[in-house]
PDB file of N, CA and C in Angstrom:
ATOM      1  N   MET A   1     -12.977 -32.735  73.923  1.00  0.00           N
ATOM      2  CA  MET A   1     -11.932 -32.263  73.026  1.00  0.00           C
ATOM      3  C   MET A   1     -10.760 -33.238  73.132  1.00  0.00           C
ATOM      4  N   GLY A   2     -10.323 -33.720  71.968  1.00  0.00           N
ATOM      5  CA  GLY A   2      -9.250 -34.699  71.978  1.00  0.00           C
ATOM      6  C   GLY A   2      -7.935 -34.145  71.485  1.00  0.00           C
ATOM      7  N   GLU A   3      -6.890 -34.895  71.757  1.00  0.00           N
ATOM      8  CA  GLU A   3      -5.559 -34.511  71.299  1.00  0.00           C
ATOM      9  C   GLU A   3      -5.273 -35.214  69.974  1.00  0.00           C
ATOM     10  N   VAL A   4      -4.737 -34.477  69.029  1.00  0.00           N
ATOM     11  CA  VAL A   4      -4.402 -35.012  67.717  1.00  0.00           C
ATOM     12  C   VAL A   4      -2.924 -34.788  67.435  1.00  0.00           C
ATOM     13  N   THR A   5      -2.410 -35.534  66.468  1.00  0.00           N
ATOM     14  CA  THR A   5      -1.034 -35.380  66.012  1.00  0.00           C
ATOM     15  C   THR A   5      -1.057 -34.739  64.639  1.00  0.00           C
ATOM     16  N   VAL A   6      -0.210 -33.751  64.438  1.00  0.00           N
ATOM     17  CA  VAL A   6      -0.091 -33.074  63.145  1.00  0.00           C
ATOM     18  C   VAL A   6       1.291 -33.371  62.586  1.00  0.00           C
ATOM     19  N   ILE A   7       1.325 -33.938  61.388  1.00  0.00           N
ATOM     20  CA  ILE A   7       2.580 -34.242  60.702  1.00  0.00           C
ATOM     21  C   ILE A   7       2.951 -33.016  59.871  1.00  0.00           C
ATOM     22  N   VAL A   8       4.139 -32.480  60.108  1.00  0.00           N
ATOM     23  CA  VAL A   8       4.583 -31.220  59.496  1.00  0.00           C
ATOM     24  C   VAL A   8       5.597 -31.506  58.387  1.00  0.00           C
ATOM     25  N   PRO A   9       5.374 -30.970  57.179  1.00  0.00           N
ATOM     26  CA  PRO A   9       6.356 -31.181  56.109  1.00  0.00           C
ATOM     27  C   PRO A   9       7.623 -30.355  56.346  1.00  0.00           C
ATOM     28  N   VAL A  10       8.688 -30.745  55.691  1.00  0.00           N
ATOM     29  CA  VAL A  10       9.992 -30.073  55.834  1.00  0.00           C
ATOM     30  C   VAL A  10       9.866 -28.572  55.588  1.00  0.00           C
ATOM     31  N   LEU A  11       9.080 -28.182  54.618  1.00  0.00           N
ATOM     32  CA  LEU A  11       8.896 -26.779  54.253  1.00  0.00           C
ATOM     33  C   LEU A  11       8.451 -25.910  55.438  1.00  0.00           C
ATOM     34  N   LEU A  12       7.656 -26.480  56.331  1.00  0.00           N
ATOM     35  CA  LEU A  12       7.115 -25.705  57.452  1.00  0.00           C
ATOM     36  C   LEU A  12       7.878 -25.871  58.760  1.00  0.00           C
ATOM     37  N   ARG A  13       8.807 -26.776  58.810  1.00  0.00           N
ATOM     38  CA  ARG A  13       9.520 -27.045  60.069  1.00  0.00           C
ATOM     39  C   ARG A  13      10.311 -25.866  60.619  1.00  0.00           C
ATOM     40  N   PRO A  14      10.837 -24.961  59.778  1.00  0.00           N
ATOM     41  CA  PRO A  14      11.499 -23.791  60.364  1.00  0.00           C
ATOM     42  C   PRO A  14      10.551 -22.934  61.214  1.00  0.00           C
ATOM     43  N   TYR A  15       9.244 -23.084  60.994  1.00  0.00           N
ATOM     44  CA  TYR A  15       8.260 -22.282  61.716  1.00  0.00           C
ATOM     45  C   TYR A  15       7.626 -23.056  62.867  1.00  0.00           C
ATOM     46  N   THR A  16       8.087 -24.308  63.090  1.00  0.00           N
ATOM     47  CA  THR A  16       7.606 -25.119  64.208  1.00  0.00           C
ATOM     48  C   THR A  16       8.777 -25.536  65.102  1.00  0.00           C
ATOM     49  N   ASP A  17       9.799 -24.708  65.128  1.00  0.00           N
ATOM     50  CA  ASP A  17      11.017 -24.990  65.901  1.00  0.00           C
ATOM     51  C   ASP A  17      11.647 -26.315  65.491  1.00  0.00           C
ATOM     52  N   GLY A  18      11.485 -26.675  64.209  1.00  0.00           N
ATOM     53  CA  GLY A  18      12.093 -27.879  63.668  1.00  0.00           C
ATOM     54  C   GLY A  18      11.310 -29.162  63.896  1.00  0.00           C
ATOM     55  N   ALA A  19      10.168 -29.067  64.552  1.00  0.00           N
ATOM     56  CA  ALA A  19       9.388 -30.271  64.860  1.00  0.00           C
ATOM     57  C   ALA A  19       8.747 -30.867  63.616  1.00  0.00           C
ATOM     58  N   SER A  20       8.845 -32.192  63.484  1.00  0.00           N
ATOM     59  CA  SER A  20       8.201 -32.887  62.373  1.00  0.00           C
ATOM     60  C   SER A  20       6.804 -33.364  62.750  1.00  0.00           C
ATOM     61  N   GLN A  21       6.520 -33.411  64.047  1.00  0.00           N
ATOM     62  CA  GLN A  21       5.199 -33.762  64.554  1.00  0.00           C
ATOM     63  C   GLN A  21       4.846 -32.835  65.701  1.00  0.00           C
ATOM     64  N   LEU A  22       3.583 -32.438  65.731  1.00  0.00           N
ATOM     65  CA  LEU A  22       3.083 -31.587  66.806  1.00  0.00           C
ATOM     66  C   LEU A  22       1.822 -32.213  67.368  1.00  0.00           C
ATOM     67  N   THR A  23       1.500 -31.893  68.594  1.00  0.00           N
ATOM     68  CA  THR A  23       0.220 -32.304  69.151  1.00  0.00           C
ATOM     69  C   THR A  23      -0.565 -31.051  69.512  1.00  0.00           C
ATOM     70  N   ALA A  24      -1.875 -31.166  69.378  1.00  0.00           N
ATOM     71  CA  ALA A  24      -2.761 -30.060  69.721  1.00  0.00           C
ATOM     72  C   ALA A  24      -4.127 -30.637  70.039  1.00  0.00           C
ATOM     73  N   GLU A  25      -4.957 -29.824  70.657  1.00  0.00           N
ATOM     74  CA  GLU A  25      -6.316 -30.233  70.975  1.00  0.00           C
ATOM     75  C   GLU A  25      -7.298 -29.426  70.157  1.00  0.00           C
ATOM     76  N   GLY A  26      -8.442 -30.022  69.901  1.00  0.00           N
ATOM     77  CA  GLY A  26      -9.494 -29.327  69.190  1.00  0.00           C
ATOM     78  C   GLY A  26     -10.595 -30.278  68.784  1.00  0.00           C
ATOM     79  N   GLU A  27     -11.759 -29.714  68.544  1.00  0.00           N
ATOM     80  CA  GLU A  27     -12.890 -30.500  68.066  1.00  0.00           C
ATOM     81  C   GLU A  27     -12.963 -30.498  66.552  1.00  0.00           C
ATOM     82  N   THR A  28     -12.406 -29.447  65.925  1.00  0.00           N
ATOM     83  CA  THR A  28     -12.399 -29.339  64.464  1.00  0.00           C
ATOM     84  C   THR A  28     -10.976 -29.042  63.993  1.00  0.00           C
ATOM     85  N   LEU A  29     -10.776 -29.208  62.710  1.00  0.00           N
ATOM     86  CA  LEU A  29      -9.478 -28.892  62.119  1.00  0.00           C
ATOM     87  C   LEU A  29      -9.119 -27.431  62.379  1.00  0.00           C
ATOM     88  N   GLY A  30     -10.095 -26.542  62.263  1.00  0.00           N
ATOM     89  CA  GLY A  30      -9.860 -25.120  62.526  1.00  0.00           C
ATOM     90  C   GLY A  30      -9.375 -24.867  63.937  1.00  0.00           C
ATOM     91  N   ASP A  31      -9.966 -25.561  64.923  1.00  0.00           N
ATOM     92  CA  ASP A  31      -9.532 -25.432  66.325  1.00  0.00           C
ATOM     93  C   ASP A  31      -8.059 -25.816  66.457  1.00  0.00           C
ATOM     94  N   VAL A  32      -7.705 -26.940  65.844  1.00  0.00           N
ATOM     95  CA  VAL A  32      -6.332 -27.444  65.944  1.00  0.00           C
ATOM     96  C   VAL A  32      -5.354 -26.436  65.353  1.00  0.00           C
ATOM     97  N   PHE A  33      -5.653 -25.921  64.167  1.00  0.00           N
ATOM     98  CA  PHE A  33      -4.715 -24.992  63.524  1.00  0.00           C
ATOM     99  C   PHE A  33      -4.670 -23.640  64.218  1.00  0.00           C
ATOM    100  N   ARG A  34      -5.766 -23.195  64.808  1.00  0.00           N
ATOM    101  CA  ARG A  34      -5.726 -21.947  65.599  1.00  0.00           C
ATOM    102  C   ARG A  34      -4.771 -22.111  66.776  1.00  0.00           C
ATOM    103  N   THR A  35      -4.852 -23.250  67.442  1.00  0.00           N
ATOM    104  CA  THR A  35      -3.966 -23.532  68.572  1.00  0.00           C
ATOM    105  C   THR A  35      -2.504 -23.535  68.122  1.00  0.00           C
ATOM    106  N   LEU A  36      -2.230 -24.211  67.015  1.00  0.00           N
ATOM    107  CA  LEU A  36      -0.844 -24.278  66.526  1.00  0.00           C
ATOM    108  C   LEU A  36      -0.325 -22.910  66.110  1.00  0.00           C
ATOM    109  N   CYS A  37      -1.159 -22.108  65.478  1.00  0.00           N
ATOM    110  CA  CYS A  37      -0.719 -20.777  65.037  1.00  0.00           C
ATOM    111  C   CYS A  37      -0.503 -19.839  66.212  1.00  0.00           C
ATOM    112  N   GLU A  38      -1.203 -20.059  67.324  1.00  0.00           N
ATOM    113  CA  GLU A  38      -0.939 -19.282  68.533  1.00  0.00           C
ATOM    114  C   GLU A  38       0.399 -19.700  69.143  1.00  0.00           C
ATOM    115  N   ARG A  39       0.685 -20.989  69.105  1.00  0.00           N
ATOM    116  CA  ARG A  39       1.932 -21.516  69.672  1.00  0.00           C
ATOM    117  C   ARG A  39       3.136 -21.163  68.816  1.00  0.00           C
ATOM    118  N   PHE A  40       2.942 -21.130  67.502  1.00  0.00           N
ATOM    119  CA  PHE A  40       4.024 -20.846  66.548  1.00  0.00           C
ATOM    120  C   PHE A  40       3.576 -19.686  65.660  1.00  0.00           C
ATOM    121  N   PRO A  41       3.795 -18.438  66.097  1.00  0.00           N
ATOM    122  CA  PRO A  41       3.262 -17.263  65.403  1.00  0.00           C
ATOM    123  C   PRO A  41       3.623 -17.144  63.911  1.00  0.00           C
ATOM    124  N   GLY A  42       4.774 -17.612  63.494  1.00  0.00           N
ATOM    125  CA  GLY A  42       5.153 -17.496  62.084  1.00  0.00           C
ATOM    126  C   GLY A  42       4.473 -18.495  61.175  1.00  0.00           C
ATOM    127  N   LEU A  43       3.777 -19.450  61.752  1.00  0.00           N
ATOM    128  CA  LEU A  43       3.175 -20.526  60.972  1.00  0.00           C
ATOM    129  C   LEU A  43       1.990 -20.069  60.127  1.00  0.00           C
ATOM    130  N   ALA A  44       1.159 -19.209  60.646  1.00  0.00           N
ATOM    131  CA  ALA A  44      -0.062 -18.802  59.942  1.00  0.00           C
ATOM    132  C   ALA A  44       0.231 -18.216  58.561  1.00  0.00           C
ATOM    133  N   ALA A  45       1.245 -17.384  58.463  1.00  0.00           N
ATOM    134  CA  ALA A  45       1.572 -16.760  57.174  1.00  0.00           C
ATOM    135  C   ALA A  45       2.022 -17.791  56.144  1.00  0.00           C
ATOM    136  N   ARG A  46       2.508 -18.925  56.600  1.00  0.00           N
ATOM    137  CA  ARG A  46       2.966 -19.977  55.685  1.00  0.00           C
ATOM    138  C   ARG A  46       1.845 -20.933  55.341  1.00  0.00           C
ATOM    139  N   LEU A  47       0.825 -21.022  56.182  1.00  0.00           N
ATOM    140  CA  LEU A  47      -0.294 -21.927  55.937  1.00  0.00           C
ATOM    141  C   LEU A  47      -1.389 -21.303  55.089  1.00  0.00           C
ATOM    142  N   TYR A  48      -1.705 -20.031  55.356  1.00  0.00           N
ATOM    143  CA  TYR A  48      -2.895 -19.411  54.778  1.00  0.00           C
ATOM    144  C   TYR A  48      -2.565 -18.320  53.768  1.00  0.00           C
ATOM    145  N   ASN A  49      -3.439 -18.205  52.761  1.00  0.00           N
ATOM    146  CA  ASN A  49      -3.327 -17.100  51.806  1.00  0.00           C
ATOM    147  C   ASN A  49      -4.088 -15.892  52.350  1.00  0.00           C
ATOM    148  N   GLU A  50      -4.170 -14.829  51.557  1.00  0.00           N
ATOM    149  CA  GLU A  50      -4.807 -13.592  52.016  1.00  0.00           C
ATOM    150  C   GLU A  50      -6.302 -13.746  52.261  1.00  0.00           C
ATOM    151  N   ASN A  51      -6.927 -14.817  51.737  1.00  0.00           N
ATOM    152  CA  ASN A  51      -8.351 -15.073  51.960  1.00  0.00           C
ATOM    153  C   ASN A  51      -8.599 -15.965  53.177  1.00  0.00           C
ATOM    154  N   GLY A  52      -7.518 -16.406  53.830  1.00  0.00           N
ATOM    155  CA  GLY A  52      -7.658 -17.278  54.983  1.00  0.00           C
ATOM    156  C   GLY A  52      -7.788 -18.749  54.637  1.00  0.00           C
ATOM    157  N   ASP A  53      -7.581 -19.086  53.372  1.00  0.00           N
ATOM    158  CA  ASP A  53      -7.615 -20.477  52.926  1.00  0.00           C
ATOM    159  C   ASP A  53      -6.202 -21.041  52.945  1.00  0.00           C
ATOM    160  N   PHE A  54      -6.110 -22.381  53.011  1.00  0.00           N
ATOM    161  CA  PHE A  54      -4.785 -22.987  52.916  1.00  0.00           C
ATOM    162  C   PHE A  54      -4.149 -22.605  51.586  1.00  0.00           C
ATOM    163  N   ARG A  55      -2.861 -22.374  51.604  1.00  0.00           N
ATOM    164  CA  ARG A  55      -2.139 -22.048  50.377  1.00  0.00           C
ATOM    165  C   ARG A  55      -2.298 -23.189  49.373  1.00  0.00           C
ATOM    166  N   SER A  56      -2.287 -22.843  48.095  1.00  0.00           N
ATOM    167  CA  SER A  56      -2.588 -23.806  47.035  1.00  0.00           C
ATOM    168  C   SER A  56      -1.599 -24.964  46.966  1.00  0.00           C
ATOM    169  N   PHE A  57      -0.382 -24.768  47.437  1.00  0.00           N
ATOM    170  CA  PHE A  57       0.611 -25.835  47.360  1.00  0.00           C
ATOM    171  C   PHE A  57       0.569 -26.778  48.568  1.00  0.00           C
ATOM    172  N   LEU A  58      -0.413 -26.582  49.463  1.00  0.00           N
ATOM    173  CA  LEU A  58      -0.557 -27.458  50.624  1.00  0.00           C
ATOM    174  C   LEU A  58      -1.832 -28.290  50.511  1.00  0.00           C
ATOM    175  N   GLN A  59      -1.730 -29.545  50.883  1.00  0.00           N
ATOM    176  CA  GLN A  59      -2.895 -30.413  51.007  1.00  0.00           C
ATOM    177  C   GLN A  59      -2.949 -30.874  52.456  1.00  0.00           C
ATOM    178  N   VAL A  60      -4.150 -30.933  53.005  1.00  0.00           N
ATOM    179  CA  VAL A  60      -4.317 -31.317  54.401  1.00  0.00           C
ATOM    180  C   VAL A  60      -5.278 -32.499  54.469  1.00  0.00           C
ATOM    181  N   PHE A  61      -4.874 -33.503  55.231  1.00  0.00           N
ATOM    182  CA  PHE A  61      -5.667 -34.708  55.403  1.00  0.00           C
ATOM    183  C   PHE A  61      -5.936 -34.945  56.885  1.00  0.00           C
ATOM    184  N   VAL A  62      -7.154 -35.369  57.190  1.00  0.00           N
ATOM    185  CA  VAL A  62      -7.483 -35.887  58.514  1.00  0.00           C
ATOM    186  C   VAL A  62      -7.619 -37.381  58.300  1.00  0.00           C
ATOM    187  N   GLU A  63      -6.695 -38.124  58.919  1.00  0.00           N
ATOM    188  CA  GLU A  63      -6.528 -39.540  58.611  1.00  0.00           C
ATOM    189  C   GLU A  63      -6.274 -39.634  57.106  1.00  0.00           C
ATOM    190  N   SER A  64      -7.100 -40.324  56.340  1.00  0.00           N
ATOM    191  CA  SER A  64      -6.861 -40.423  54.892  1.00  0.00           C
ATOM    192  C   SER A  64      -7.807 -39.546  54.089  1.00  0.00           C
ATOM    193  N   ASP A  65      -8.592 -38.696  54.757  1.00  0.00           N
ATOM    194  CA  ASP A  65      -9.574 -37.854  54.076  1.00  0.00           C
ATOM    195  C   ASP A  65      -9.024 -36.473  53.768  1.00  0.00           C
ATOM    196  N   ASP A  66      -9.025 -36.133  52.491  1.00  0.00           N
ATOM    197  CA  ASP A  66      -8.635 -34.798  52.040  1.00  0.00           C
ATOM    198  C   ASP A  66      -9.707 -33.825  52.526  1.00  0.00           C
ATOM    199  N   ILE A  67      -9.312 -32.792  53.249  1.00  0.00           N
ATOM    200  CA  ILE A  67     -10.310 -31.881  53.822  1.00  0.00           C
ATOM    201  C   ILE A  67     -11.095 -31.132  52.755  1.00  0.00           C
ATOM    202  N   ARG A  68     -10.565 -31.077  51.531  1.00  0.00           N
ATOM    203  CA  ARG A  68     -11.303 -30.402  50.455  1.00  0.00           C
ATOM    204  C   ARG A  68     -12.547 -31.188  50.068  1.00  0.00           C
ATOM    205  N   THR A  69     -12.585 -32.485  50.377  1.00  0.00           N
ATOM    206  CA  THR A  69     -13.766 -33.301  50.093  1.00  0.00           C
ATOM    207  C   THR A  69     -14.614 -33.481  51.339  1.00  0.00           C
ATOM    208  N   ARG A  70     -14.205 -32.875  52.414  1.00  0.00           N
ATOM    209  CA  ARG A  70     -14.946 -32.940  53.676  1.00  0.00           C
ATOM    210  C   ARG A  70     -15.521 -31.558  53.976  1.00  0.00           C
ATOM    211  N   LEU A  71     -15.371 -31.098  55.192  1.00  0.00           N
ATOM    212  CA  LEU A  71     -15.944 -29.829  55.628  1.00  0.00           C
ATOM    213  C   LEU A  71     -14.898 -28.729  55.792  1.00  0.00           C
ATOM    214  N   GLY A  72     -13.753 -28.890  55.148  1.00  0.00           N
ATOM    215  CA  GLY A  72     -12.704 -27.889  55.263  1.00  0.00           C
ATOM    216  C   GLY A  72     -12.270 -27.704  56.701  1.00  0.00           C
ATOM    217  N   MET A  73     -12.199 -26.473  57.151  1.00  0.00           N
ATOM    218  CA  MET A  73     -11.748 -26.174  58.509  1.00  0.00           C
ATOM    219  C   MET A  73     -12.748 -26.633  59.569  1.00  0.00           C
ATOM    220  N   GLU A  74     -13.972 -26.930  59.163  1.00  0.00           N
ATOM    221  CA  GLU A  74     -14.984 -27.416  60.102  1.00  0.00           C
ATOM    222  C   GLU A  74     -14.979 -28.939  60.207  1.00  0.00           C
ATOM    223  N   THR A  75     -14.033 -29.598  59.530  1.00  0.00           N
ATOM    224  CA  THR A  75     -13.924 -31.053  59.603  1.00  0.00           C
ATOM    225  C   THR A  75     -13.676 -31.474  61.047  1.00  0.00           C
ATOM    226  N   PRO A  76     -14.538 -32.336  61.595  1.00  0.00           N
ATOM    227  CA  PRO A  76     -14.314 -32.783  62.976  1.00  0.00           C
ATOM    228  C   PRO A  76     -13.081 -33.668  63.081  1.00  0.00           C
ATOM    229  N   VAL A  77     -12.407 -33.582  64.220  1.00  0.00           N
ATOM    230  CA  VAL A  77     -11.265 -34.450  64.492  1.00  0.00           C
ATOM    231  C   VAL A  77     -11.524 -35.177  65.802  1.00  0.00           C
ATOM    232  N   SER A  78     -11.189 -36.453  65.816  1.00  0.00           N
ATOM    233  CA  SER A  78     -11.417 -37.248  67.016  1.00  0.00           C
ATOM    234  C   SER A  78     -10.118 -37.413  67.788  1.00  0.00           C
ATOM    235  N   ASP A  79     -10.242 -37.760  69.042  1.00  0.00           N
ATOM    236  CA  ASP A  79      -9.086 -37.977  69.899  1.00  0.00           C
ATOM    237  C   ASP A  79      -8.170 -39.017  69.255  1.00  0.00           C
ATOM    238  N   GLY A  80      -6.897 -38.690  69.134  1.00  0.00           N
ATOM    239  CA  GLY A  80      -5.916 -39.603  68.560  1.00  0.00           C
ATOM    240  C   GLY A  80      -5.790 -39.527  67.052  1.00  0.00           C
ATOM    241  N   ALA A  81      -6.562 -38.663  66.412  1.00  0.00           N
ATOM    242  CA  ALA A  81      -6.508 -38.553  64.951  1.00  0.00           C
ATOM    243  C   ALA A  81      -5.145 -38.035  64.497  1.00  0.00           C
ATOM    244  N   GLN A  82      -4.815 -38.358  63.262  1.00  0.00           N
ATOM    245  CA  GLN A  82      -3.590 -37.836  62.653  1.00  0.00           C
ATOM    246  C   GLN A  82      -3.966 -36.892  61.527  1.00  0.00           C
ATOM    247  N   ILE A  83      -3.396 -35.698  61.589  1.00  0.00           N
ATOM    248  CA  ILE A  83      -3.567 -34.692  60.541  1.00  0.00           C
ATOM    249  C   ILE A  83      -2.236 -34.592  59.816  1.00  0.00           C
ATOM    250  N   THR A  84      -2.294 -34.677  58.505  1.00  0.00           N
ATOM    251  CA  THR A  84      -1.079 -34.622  57.709  1.00  0.00           C
ATOM    252  C   THR A  84      -1.143 -33.428  56.772  1.00  0.00           C
ATOM    253  N   ILE A  85      -0.067 -32.637  56.773  1.00  0.00           N
ATOM    254  CA  ILE A  85       0.076 -31.520  55.838  1.00  0.00           C
ATOM    255  C   ILE A  85       1.081 -31.974  54.794  1.00  0.00           C
ATOM    256  N   LEU A  86       0.678 -31.958  53.527  1.00  0.00           N
ATOM    257  CA  LEU A  86       1.574 -32.324  52.439  1.00  0.00           C
ATOM    258  C   LEU A  86       1.821 -31.107  51.574  1.00  0.00           C
ATOM    259  N   GLN A  87       3.038 -30.961  51.110  1.00  0.00           N
ATOM    260  CA  GLN A  87       3.340 -29.883  50.170  1.00  0.00           C
ATOM    261  C   GLN A  87       3.364 -30.485  48.774  1.00  0.00           C
ATOM    262  N   ALA A  88       2.780 -29.769  47.825  1.00  0.00           N
ATOM    263  CA  ALA A  88       2.771 -30.223  46.451  1.00  0.00           C
ATOM    264  C   ALA A  88       4.183 -30.180  45.878  1.00  0.00           C
ATOM    265  N   LEU A  89       4.479 -31.119  45.035  1.00  0.00           N
ATOM    266  CA  LEU A  89       5.779 -31.157  44.380  1.00  0.00           C
ATOM    267  C   LEU A  89       5.610 -30.757  42.938  1.00  0.00           C
ATOM    268  N   ALA A  90       6.540 -30.000  42.440  1.00  0.00           N
ATOM    269  CA  ALA A  90       6.513 -29.592  41.042  1.00  0.00           C
ATOM    270  C   ALA A  90       7.819 -30.024  40.389  1.00  0.00           C
ATOM    271  N   GLY A  91       7.751 -30.203  39.162  1.00  0.00           N
ATOM    272  CA  GLY A  91       8.973 -30.608  38.450  1.00  0.00           C
ATOM    273  C   GLY A  91       8.658 -30.821  36.993  1.00  0.00           C
ATOM    274  N   GLY A  92       9.672 -31.188  36.294  1.00  0.00           N
ATOM    275  CA  GLY A  92       9.371 -31.396  34.889  1.00  0.00           C
ATOM    276  C   GLY A  92      10.547 -31.950  34.152  1.00  0.00           C
TER     277      GLY A  92
END
């Protein structure tokens, strides 16, 4: 099990004690996010919808791979990997 870095967008920082980067361990993306949600209890409600999927305005990448084109929460993560959470922007 390796340690990964998670890049947190501004929108979620109030729920990570203001941290812009977090570290966690896990073999899969799901492992990493379970660990983070245990450490930061308010985070889960901001990440997941009522079906347990990431909210529609969030995109998650492991390195440069969008998890929607990979294995979702079962996407493997290697030691030293970077996970990035991006929030969608709207405007007009």
